[in-house]
Amino acid sequence: MSPESTLILRRESLRDALPTCVDLLRLRRASEIETGHIEDYVALDWLEWHAGGLRLTVVGENIRRQVMRRHLLKA
């Protein structure tokens, strides 16, 4: 598999896991987020550090909405 394919698959995996990540953050259970995901979300500008905690960025919120809409359309 090419490095580009690997990056695309990783981004799709992160995209699909974002709603669960956001739910865990709201429940103050960040320790249950998969290893490496937080760093990747911050690097993608989907999450940001703010006052010692993590919060969704505008970009992250847009991605989360897209994922939620896609799941609703599949149902």
PDB file of N, CA and C in Angstrom:
ATOM      1  N   MET A   1       0.850  -1.170   0.000  1.00  0.00           N
ATOM      2  CA  MET A   1       0.000   0.000   0.000  1.00  0.00           C
ATOM      3  C   MET A   1       0.903   1.242   0.000  1.00  0.00           C
ATOM      4  N   SER A   2       0.550   2.220  -0.783  1.00  0.00           N
ATOM      5  CA  SER A   2       1.366   3.431  -0.882  1.00  0.00           C
ATOM      6  C   SER A   2       1.193   4.296   0.365  1.00  0.00           C
ATOM      7  N   PRO A   3       2.168   5.149   0.646  1.00  0.00           N
ATOM      8  CA  PRO A   3       2.043   6.057   1.800  1.00  0.00           C
ATOM      9  C   PRO A   3       0.810   6.958   1.696  1.00  0.00           C
ATOM     10  N   GLU A   4       0.483   7.386   0.475  1.00  0.00           N
ATOM     11  CA  GLU A   4      -0.700   8.231   0.289  1.00  0.00           C
ATOM     12  C   GLU A   4      -1.980   7.482   0.642  1.00  0.00           C
ATOM     13  N   SER A   5      -2.047   6.216   0.236  1.00  0.00           N
ATOM     14  CA  SER A   5      -3.216   5.399   0.563  1.00  0.00           C
ATOM     15  C   SER A   5      -3.348   5.215   2.067  1.00  0.00           C
ATOM     16  N   THR A   6      -2.219   5.015   2.722  1.00  0.00           N
ATOM     17  CA  THR A   6      -2.218   4.856   4.169  1.00  0.00           C
ATOM     18  C   THR A   6      -2.726   6.116   4.854  1.00  0.00           C
ATOM     19  N   LEU A   7      -2.284   7.289   4.381  1.00  0.00           N
ATOM     20  CA  LEU A   7      -2.751   8.558   4.951  1.00  0.00           C
ATOM     21  C   LEU A   7      -4.242   8.767   4.731  1.00  0.00           C
ATOM     22  N   ILE A   8      -4.722   8.400   3.550  1.00  0.00           N
ATOM     23  CA  ILE A   8      -6.152   8.547   3.251  1.00  0.00           C
ATOM     24  C   ILE A   8      -6.975   7.645   4.166  1.00  0.00           C
ATOM     25  N   LEU A   9      -6.525   6.402   4.335  1.00  0.00           N
ATOM     26  CA  LEU A   9      -7.243   5.478   5.222  1.00  0.00           C
ATOM     27  C   LEU A   9      -7.224   5.961   6.667  1.00  0.00           C
ATOM     28  N   ARG A  10      -6.087   6.505   7.106  1.00  0.00           N
ATOM     29  CA  ARG A  10      -5.985   7.021   8.478  1.00  0.00           C
ATOM     30  C   ARG A  10      -6.941   8.192   8.680  1.00  0.00           C
ATOM     31  N   ARG A  11      -6.988   9.100   7.710  1.00  0.00           N
ATOM     32  CA  ARG A  11      -7.876  10.258   7.824  1.00  0.00           C
ATOM     33  C   ARG A  11      -9.342   9.815   7.861  1.00  0.00           C
ATOM     34  N   GLU A  12      -9.706   8.846   7.040  1.00  0.00           N
ATOM     35  CA  GLU A  12     -11.084   8.335   7.046  1.00  0.00           C
ATOM     36  C   GLU A  12     -11.412   7.670   8.379  1.00  0.00           C
ATOM     37  N   SER A  13     -10.457   6.932   8.919  1.00  0.00           N
ATOM     38  CA  SER A  13     -10.649   6.305  10.228  1.00  0.00           C
ATOM     39  C   SER A  13     -10.865   7.368  11.306  1.00  0.00           C
ATOM     40  N   LEU A  14     -10.049   8.414  11.274  1.00  0.00           N
ATOM     41  CA  LEU A  14     -10.195   9.505  12.239  1.00  0.00           C
ATOM     42  C   LEU A  14     -11.539  10.212  12.061  1.00  0.00           C
ATOM     43  N   ARG A  15     -11.923  10.423  10.819  1.00  0.00           N
ATOM     44  CA  ARG A  15     -13.208  11.079  10.525  1.00  0.00           C
ATOM     45  C   ARG A  15     -14.364  10.277  11.120  1.00  0.00           C
ATOM     46  N   ASP A  16     -14.346   8.971  10.901  1.00  0.00           N
ATOM     47  CA  ASP A  16     -15.430   8.125  11.412  1.00  0.00           C
ATOM     48  C   ASP A  16     -15.457   8.070  12.936  1.00  0.00           C
ATOM     49  N   ALA A  17     -14.294   8.192  13.568  1.00  0.00           N
ATOM     50  CA  ALA A  17     -14.213   8.106  15.030  1.00  0.00           C
ATOM     51  C   ALA A  17     -14.450   9.449  15.724  1.00  0.00           C
ATOM     52  N   LEU A  18     -14.494  10.542  14.960  1.00  0.00           N
ATOM     53  CA  LEU A  18     -14.608  11.870  15.575  1.00  0.00           C
ATOM     54  C   LEU A  18     -15.852  12.037  16.455  1.00  0.00           C
ATOM     55  N   PRO A  19     -17.049  11.636  16.022  1.00  0.00           N
ATOM     56  CA  PRO A  19     -18.218  11.813  16.909  1.00  0.00           C
ATOM     57  C   PRO A  19     -18.056  11.105  18.260  1.00  0.00           C
ATOM     58  N   THR A  20     -17.481   9.917  18.256  1.00  0.00           N
ATOM     59  CA  THR A  20     -17.246   9.201  19.505  1.00  0.00           C
ATOM     60  C   THR A  20     -16.235   9.942  20.361  1.00  0.00           C
ATOM     61  N   CYS A  21     -15.207  10.465  19.727  1.00  0.00           N
ATOM     62  CA  CYS A  21     -14.191  11.246  20.442  1.00  0.00           C
ATOM     63  C   CYS A  21     -14.832  12.463  21.107  1.00  0.00           C
ATOM     64  N   VAL A  22     -15.674  13.167  20.388  1.00  0.00           N
ATOM     65  CA  VAL A  22     -16.344  14.353  20.930  1.00  0.00           C
ATOM     66  C   VAL A  22     -17.227  13.962  22.111  1.00  0.00           C
ATOM     67  N   ASP A  23     -17.946  12.858  21.981  1.00  0.00           N
ATOM     68  CA  ASP A  23     -18.783  12.380  23.091  1.00  0.00           C
ATOM     69  C   ASP A  23     -17.928  12.078  24.327  1.00  0.00           C
ATOM     70  N   LEU A  24     -16.799  11.419  24.126  1.00  0.00           N
ATOM     71  CA  LEU A  24     -15.919  11.100  25.256  1.00  0.00           C
ATOM     72  C   LEU A  24     -15.368  12.370  25.896  1.00  0.00           C
ATOM     73  N   LEU A  25     -15.038  13.368  25.093  1.00  0.00           N
ATOM     74  CA  LEU A  25     -14.565  14.633  25.658  1.00  0.00           C
ATOM     75  C   LEU A  25     -15.654  15.306  26.490  1.00  0.00           C
ATOM     76  N   ARG A  26     -16.882  15.280  25.995  1.00  0.00           N
ATOM     77  CA  ARG A  26     -18.000  15.887  26.744  1.00  0.00           C
ATOM     78  C   ARG A  26     -18.247  15.168  28.063  1.00  0.00           C
ATOM     79  N   LEU A  27     -17.979  13.872  28.081  1.00  0.00           N
ATOM     80  CA  LEU A  27     -18.160  13.075  29.294  1.00  0.00           C
ATOM     81  C   LEU A  27     -16.920  13.108  30.190  1.00  0.00           C
ATOM     82  N   ARG A  28     -15.924  13.880  29.785  1.00  0.00           N
ATOM     83  CA  ARG A  28     -14.650  13.997  30.494  1.00  0.00           C
ATOM     84  C   ARG A  28     -13.964  12.633  30.643  1.00  0.00           C
ATOM     85  N   ARG A  29     -13.958  11.887  29.522  1.00  0.00           N
ATOM     86  CA  ARG A  29     -13.340  10.569  29.495  1.00  0.00           C
ATOM     87  C   ARG A  29     -12.306  10.488  28.371  1.00  0.00           C
ATOM     88  N   ALA A  30     -11.486  11.538  28.257  1.00  0.00           N
ATOM     89  CA  ALA A  30     -10.489  11.605  27.190  1.00  0.00           C
ATOM     90  C   ALA A  30      -9.516  10.431  27.227  1.00  0.00           C
ATOM     91  N   SER A  31      -9.320   9.851  28.389  1.00  0.00           N
ATOM     92  CA  SER A  31      -8.394   8.720  28.500  1.00  0.00           C
ATOM     93  C   SER A  31      -8.873   7.514  27.694  1.00  0.00           C
ATOM     94  N   GLU A  32     -10.148   7.485  27.316  1.00  0.00           N
ATOM     95  CA  GLU A  32     -10.695   6.371  26.544  1.00  0.00           C
ATOM     96  C   GLU A  32     -10.586   6.573  25.034  1.00  0.00           C
ATOM     97  N   ILE A  33     -10.080   7.736  24.617  1.00  0.00           N
ATOM     98  CA  ILE A  33      -9.875   7.992  23.187  1.00  0.00           C
ATOM     99  C   ILE A  33      -8.667   7.182  22.742  1.00  0.00           C
ATOM    100  N   GLU A  34      -8.767   6.573  21.569  1.00  0.00           N
ATOM    101  CA  GLU A  34      -7.697   5.698  21.089  1.00  0.00           C
ATOM    102  C   GLU A  34      -6.350   6.408  21.068  1.00  0.00           C
ATOM    103  N   THR A  35      -5.319   5.660  21.369  1.00  0.00           N
ATOM    104  CA  THR A  35      -3.958   6.187  21.388  1.00  0.00           C
ATOM    105  C   THR A  35      -3.607   6.801  20.038  1.00  0.00           C
ATOM    106  N   GLY A  36      -3.076   8.011  20.082  1.00  0.00           N
ATOM    107  CA  GLY A  36      -2.654   8.696  18.865  1.00  0.00           C
ATOM    108  C   GLY A  36      -3.711   9.551  18.215  1.00  0.00           C
ATOM    109  N   HIS A  37      -4.987   9.317  18.543  1.00  0.00           N
ATOM    110  CA  HIS A  37      -6.046  10.081  17.894  1.00  0.00           C
ATOM    111  C   HIS A  37      -6.008  11.558  18.276  1.00  0.00           C
ATOM    112  N   ILE A  38      -5.802  11.858  19.546  1.00  0.00           N
ATOM    113  CA  ILE A  38      -5.809  13.264  19.968  1.00  0.00           C
ATOM    114  C   ILE A  38      -4.727  14.037  19.221  1.00  0.00           C
ATOM    115  N   GLU A  39      -3.527  13.495  19.158  1.00  0.00           N
ATOM    116  CA  GLU A  39      -2.435  14.175  18.459  1.00  0.00           C
ATOM    117  C   GLU A  39      -2.779  14.386  16.990  1.00  0.00           C
ATOM    118  N   ASP A  40      -3.384  13.383  16.369  1.00  0.00           N
ATOM    119  CA  ASP A  40      -3.762  13.509  14.959  1.00  0.00           C
ATOM    120  C   ASP A  40      -4.870  14.539  14.768  1.00  0.00           C
ATOM    121  N   TYR A  41      -5.854  14.545  15.665  1.00  0.00           N
ATOM    122  CA  TYR A  41      -6.935  15.534  15.556  1.00  0.00           C
ATOM    123  C   TYR A  41      -6.398  16.957  15.716  1.00  0.00           C
ATOM    124  N   VAL A  42      -5.472  17.144  16.619  1.00  0.00           N
ATOM    125  CA  VAL A  42      -4.860  18.472  16.804  1.00  0.00           C
ATOM    126  C   VAL A  42      -4.061  18.846  15.554  1.00  0.00           C
ATOM    127  N   ALA A  43      -3.311  17.902  15.008  1.00  0.00           N
ATOM    128  CA  ALA A  43      -2.524  18.168  13.799  1.00  0.00           C
ATOM    129  C   ALA A  43      -3.415  18.510  12.610  1.00  0.00           C
ATOM    130  N   LEU A  44      -4.600  17.891  12.545  1.00  0.00           N
ATOM    131  CA  LEU A  44      -5.539  18.175  11.457  1.00  0.00           C
ATOM    132  C   LEU A  44      -6.356  19.442  11.700  1.00  0.00           C
ATOM    133  N   ASP A  45      -6.201  20.039  12.878  1.00  0.00           N
ATOM    134  CA  ASP A  45      -6.955  21.224  13.281  1.00  0.00           C
ATOM    135  C   ASP A  45      -8.437  20.902  13.495  1.00  0.00           C
ATOM    136  N   TRP A  46      -8.711  19.680  13.944  1.00  0.00           N
ATOM    137  CA  TRP A  46     -10.078  19.300  14.277  1.00  0.00           C
ATOM    138  C   TRP A  46     -10.334  19.488  15.764  1.00  0.00           C
ATOM    139  N   LEU A  47      -9.263  19.414  16.570  1.00  0.00           N
ATOM    140  CA  LEU A  47      -9.315  19.698  18.003  1.00  0.00           C
ATOM    141  C   LEU A  47      -8.217  20.698  18.317  1.00  0.00           C
ATOM    142  N   GLU A  48      -8.422  21.451  19.395  1.00  0.00           N
ATOM    143  CA  GLU A  48      -7.377  22.369  19.851  1.00  0.00           C
ATOM    144  C   GLU A  48      -7.335  22.365  21.367  1.00  0.00           C
ATOM    145  N   TRP A  49      -6.146  22.663  21.882  1.00  0.00           N
ATOM    146  CA  TRP A  49      -5.973  22.798  23.321  1.00  0.00           C
ATOM    147  C   TRP A  49      -6.440  24.186  23.712  1.00  0.00           C
ATOM    148  N   HIS A  50      -7.243  24.251  24.777  1.00  0.00           N
ATOM    149  CA  HIS A  50      -7.748  25.535  25.254  1.00  0.00           C
ATOM    150  C   HIS A  50      -7.893  25.461  26.772  1.00  0.00           C
ATOM    151  N   ALA A  51      -7.162  26.316  27.473  1.00  0.00           N
ATOM    152  CA  ALA A  51      -7.240  26.390  28.934  1.00  0.00           C
ATOM    153  C   ALA A  51      -7.040  25.022  29.593  1.00  0.00           C
ATOM    154  N   GLY A  52      -6.092  24.260  29.078  1.00  0.00           N
ATOM    155  CA  GLY A  52      -5.769  22.970  29.678  1.00  0.00           C
ATOM    156  C   GLY A  52      -6.664  21.831  29.258  1.00  0.00           C
ATOM    157  N   GLY A  53      -7.615  22.087  28.375  1.00  0.00           N
ATOM    158  CA  GLY A  53      -8.511  21.039  27.900  1.00  0.00           C
ATOM    159  C   GLY A  53      -8.587  21.048  26.386  1.00  0.00           C
ATOM    160  N   LEU A  54      -9.280  20.087  25.855  1.00  0.00           N
ATOM    161  CA  LEU A  54      -9.452  19.996  24.410  1.00  0.00           C
ATOM    162  C   LEU A  54     -10.838  20.468  24.027  1.00  0.00           C
ATOM    163  N   ARG A  55     -10.904  21.123  22.875  1.00  0.00           N
ATOM    164  CA  ARG A  55     -12.218  21.502  22.351  1.00  0.00           C
ATOM    165  C   ARG A  55     -12.202  21.357  20.840  1.00  0.00           C
ATOM    166  N   LEU A  56     -13.377  21.173  20.298  1.00  0.00           N
ATOM    167  CA  LEU A  56     -13.564  21.035  18.870  1.00  0.00           C
ATOM    168  C   LEU A  56     -13.337  22.389  18.203  1.00  0.00           C
ATOM    169  N   THR A  57     -12.630  22.391  17.075  1.00  0.00           N
ATOM    170  CA  THR A  57     -12.464  23.613  16.299  1.00  0.00           C
ATOM    171  C   THR A  57     -13.651  23.755  15.350  1.00  0.00           C
ATOM    172  N   VAL A  58     -13.717  24.859  14.657  1.00  0.00           N
ATOM    173  CA  VAL A  58     -14.767  25.051  13.647  1.00  0.00           C
ATOM    174  C   VAL A  58     -14.634  23.980  12.567  1.00  0.00           C
ATOM    175  N   VAL A  59     -13.409  23.701  12.163  1.00  0.00           N
ATOM    176  CA  VAL A  59     -13.171  22.652  11.161  1.00  0.00           C
ATOM    177  C   VAL A  59     -13.650  21.306  11.699  1.00  0.00           C
ATOM    178  N   GLY A  60     -13.294  21.003  12.930  1.00  0.00           N
ATOM    179  CA  GLY A  60     -13.719  19.749  13.548  1.00  0.00           C
ATOM    180  C   GLY A  60     -15.225  19.623  13.643  1.00  0.00           C
ATOM    181  N   GLU A  61     -15.890  20.719  13.991  1.00  0.00           N
ATOM    182  CA  GLU A  61     -17.356  20.701  14.064  1.00  0.00           C
ATOM    183  C   GLU A  61     -17.956  20.428  12.696  1.00  0.00           C
ATOM    184  N   ASN A  62     -17.396  21.027  11.658  1.00  0.00           N
ATOM    185  CA  ASN A  62     -17.898  20.776  10.303  1.00  0.00           C
ATOM    186  C   ASN A  62     -17.700  19.323   9.895  1.00  0.00           C
ATOM    187  N   ILE A  63     -16.551  18.755  10.216  1.00  0.00           N
ATOM    188  CA  ILE A  63     -16.294  17.342   9.919  1.00  0.00           C
ATOM    189  C   ILE A  63     -17.266  16.460  10.694  1.00  0.00           C
ATOM    190  N   ARG A  64     -17.461  16.754  11.974  1.00  0.00           N
ATOM    191  CA  ARG A  64     -18.380  15.969  12.799  1.00  0.00           C
ATOM    192  C   ARG A  64     -19.786  15.999  12.210  1.00  0.00           C
ATOM    193  N   ARG A  65     -20.232  17.164  11.770  1.00  0.00           N
ATOM    194  CA  ARG A  65     -21.574  17.278  11.163  1.00  0.00           C
ATOM    195  C   ARG A  65     -21.675  16.454   9.887  1.00  0.00           C
ATOM    196  N   GLN A  66     -20.630  16.487   9.066  1.00  0.00           N
ATOM    197  CA  GLN A  66     -20.630  15.694   7.837  1.00  0.00           C
ATOM    198  C   GLN A  66     -20.749  14.208   8.145  1.00  0.00           C
ATOM    199  N   VAL A  67     -20.005  13.753   9.141  1.00  0.00           N
ATOM    200  CA  VAL A  67     -20.039  12.339   9.523  1.00  0.00           C
ATOM    201  C   VAL A  67     -21.427  11.969  10.043  1.00  0.00           C
ATOM    202  N   MET A  68     -21.990  12.828  10.881  1.00  0.00           N
ATOM    203  CA  MET A  68     -23.313  12.538  11.442  1.00  0.00           C
ATOM    204  C   MET A  68     -24.375  12.482  10.331  1.00  0.00           C
ATOM    205  N   ARG A  69     -24.287  13.406   9.389  1.00  0.00           N
ATOM    206  CA  ARG A  69     -25.236  13.427   8.262  1.00  0.00           C
ATOM    207  C   ARG A  69     -25.093  12.157   7.423  1.00  0.00           C
ATOM    208  N   ARG A  70     -23.855  11.759   7.183  1.00  0.00           N
ATOM    209  CA  ARG A  70     -23.599  10.545   6.392  1.00  0.00           C
ATOM    210  C   ARG A  70     -24.177   9.318   7.089  1.00  0.00           C
ATOM    211  N   HIS A  71     -24.055   9.246   8.421  1.00  0.00           N
ATOM    212  CA  HIS A  71     -24.609   8.115   9.176  1.00  0.00           C
ATOM    213  C   HIS A  71     -26.128   8.128   9.141  1.00  0.00           C
ATOM    214  N   LEU A  72     -26.726   9.317   9.194  1.00  0.00           N
ATOM    215  CA  LEU A  72     -28.187   9.413   9.125  1.00  0.00           C
ATOM    216  C   LEU A  72     -28.712   8.991   7.764  1.00  0.00           C
ATOM    217  N   LEU A  73     -27.988   9.338   6.711  1.00  0.00           N
ATOM    218  CA  LEU A  73     -28.420   8.962   5.359  1.00  0.00           C
ATOM    219  C   LEU A  73     -28.307   7.468   5.125  1.00  0.00           C
ATOM    220  N   LYS A  74     -27.358   6.813   5.774  1.00  0.00           N
ATOM    221  CA  LYS A  74     -27.189   5.361   5.638  1.00  0.00           C
ATOM    222  C   LYS A  74     -28.257   4.593   6.388  1.00  0.00           C
ATOM    223  N   ALA A  75     -28.806   5.194   7.432  1.00  0.00           N
ATOM    224  CA  ALA A  75     -29.781   4.500   8.284  1.00  0.00           C
ATOM    225  C   ALA A  75     -31.119   4.347   7.623  1.00  0.00           C
TER     226      ALA A  75
END
